[in-house]
Amino acid sequence: MSKTNLLLESSSLPDAWRSLIVGQAANANVKVLRMDGQTYPYETHDFNEALLVLDGQMNLEIDSQILPVRQGEVFIVPAGLPHAVASGSHGTLVIIDQ
């Protein structure tokens, strides 16, 4: 068993938007990263991706719409759906993916 302080891990990362795999569960990666207000470009995956905001807010962009995902909220991005992160996103993000 192990315990990880995700807020501490994200604050110690040298670069924003570069995730760190902190573990695996049910064949999925559990990652943490720091958002710094900058954009992150559109991407698409062949798997569902869970985006959980621990603190701050992520401005998720889908089909040119901005969807705020706030502290304590999770957004499940379906496989094959192009998505990006718009400016103003800040705080700690947990990503669960393959």
Protein backbone atom coordinates (compact mmCIF):
# COMPACT_ATOMS: atom_id res chain seq x y z
CA MET A 1 0.00 0.00 0.00
CA SER A 2 1.12 3.53 -0.59
CA LYS A 3 -0.08 7.04 0.05
CA THR A 4 0.72 10.06 -2.14
CA ASN A 5 0.05 13.73 -1.47
CA LEU A 6 -1.10 14.82 -4.93
CA LEU A 7 -1.02 18.55 -4.13
CA LEU A 8 2.57 18.29 -2.91
CA GLU A 9 3.58 16.21 -5.94
CA SER A 10 2.08 18.73 -8.39
CA SER A 11 3.61 21.75 -6.67
CA SER A 12 7.07 20.16 -6.87
CA LEU A 13 6.90 19.46 -10.62
CA PRO A 14 9.43 21.59 -12.52
CA ASP A 15 7.14 22.23 -15.51
CA ALA A 16 3.43 22.88 -15.85
CA TRP A 17 1.47 20.55 -18.14
CA ARG A 18 4.01 17.72 -17.74
CA SER A 19 2.27 14.93 -15.89
CA LEU A 20 3.80 12.56 -13.39
CA ILE A 21 2.49 9.02 -13.09
CA VAL A 22 1.96 8.48 -9.36
CA GLY A 23 0.57 4.94 -9.66
CA GLN A 24 -1.70 2.51 -11.42
CA ALA A 25 -5.12 1.16 -10.51
CA ALA A 26 -7.36 -1.22 -12.48
CA ASN A 27 -4.90 -1.10 -15.41
CA ALA A 28 -5.14 2.70 -15.59
CA ASN A 29 -2.45 5.31 -14.98
CA VAL A 30 -3.07 7.86 -12.25
CA LYS A 31 -1.24 11.06 -13.13
CA VAL A 32 -0.96 14.49 -11.57
CA LEU A 33 0.05 17.79 -13.15
CA ARG A 34 0.12 21.49 -12.48
CA MET A 35 -1.91 23.88 -14.63
CA ASP A 36 -0.41 27.37 -15.00
CA GLY A 37 -2.99 29.44 -16.87
CA GLN A 38 -1.62 28.61 -20.32
CA THR A 39 -3.46 26.68 -23.01
CA TYR A 40 -2.94 23.03 -23.84
CA PRO A 41 -3.52 22.02 -27.48
CA TYR A 42 -6.25 19.76 -28.83
CA GLU A 43 -5.67 16.03 -28.48
CA THR A 44 -7.66 12.83 -28.98
CA HIS A 45 -7.27 9.43 -27.32
CA ASP A 46 -8.50 5.95 -28.18
CA PHE A 47 -9.60 5.49 -24.54
CA ASN A 48 -11.80 7.34 -22.06
CA GLU A 49 -9.91 9.85 -19.94
CA ALA A 50 -10.96 11.12 -16.50
CA LEU A 51 -9.94 14.70 -15.66
CA LEU A 52 -10.33 15.48 -11.94
CA VAL A 53 -9.62 18.99 -10.68
CA LEU A 54 -8.21 18.84 -7.14
CA ASP A 55 -7.86 22.57 -6.76
CA GLY A 56 -8.32 25.56 -9.05
CA GLN A 57 -10.25 25.30 -12.31
CA MET A 58 -9.75 23.73 -15.71
CA ASN A 59 -11.36 25.39 -18.73
CA LEU A 60 -11.95 22.38 -20.94
CA GLU A 61 -12.52 23.17 -24.62
CA ILE A 62 -14.70 20.82 -26.67
CA ASP A 63 -16.20 21.77 -30.05
CA SER A 64 -15.17 25.42 -29.51
CA GLN A 65 -17.14 25.52 -26.23
CA ILE A 66 -15.46 26.24 -22.90
CA LEU A 67 -16.65 23.99 -20.09
CA PRO A 68 -15.41 25.03 -16.64
CA VAL A 69 -14.44 22.07 -14.46
CA ARG A 70 -14.05 23.30 -10.90
CA GLN A 71 -12.37 22.04 -7.75
CA GLY A 72 -13.75 18.65 -6.77
CA GLU A 73 -15.34 18.00 -10.17
CA VAL A 74 -14.42 15.34 -12.70
CA PHE A 75 -15.05 15.30 -16.45
CA ILE A 76 -14.90 12.00 -18.35
CA VAL A 77 -13.73 12.63 -21.91
CA PRO A 78 -15.06 9.85 -24.16
CA ALA A 79 -12.63 8.03 -26.44
CA GLY A 80 -12.21 9.76 -29.79
CA LEU A 81 -13.45 13.20 -28.64
CA PRO A 82 -11.01 16.02 -29.49
CA HIS A 83 -10.44 18.27 -26.46
CA ALA A 84 -8.09 21.03 -25.34
CA VAL A 85 -7.56 23.22 -22.30
CA ALA A 86 -8.24 26.93 -22.67
CA SER A 87 -6.29 29.74 -21.02
CA GLY A 88 -6.97 30.61 -17.41
CA SER A 89 -6.82 27.02 -16.21
CA HIS A 90 -4.90 26.80 -12.95
CA GLY A 91 -4.33 24.46 -10.03
CA THR A 92 -3.88 20.71 -9.76
CA LEU A 93 -5.27 18.19 -12.22
CA VAL A 94 -5.44 14.42 -11.79
CA ILE A 95 -5.68 12.39 -15.01
CA ILE A 96 -6.78 8.76 -15.07
CA ASP A 97 -6.11 7.07 -18.39
CA GLN A 98 -4.46 4.09 -20.08
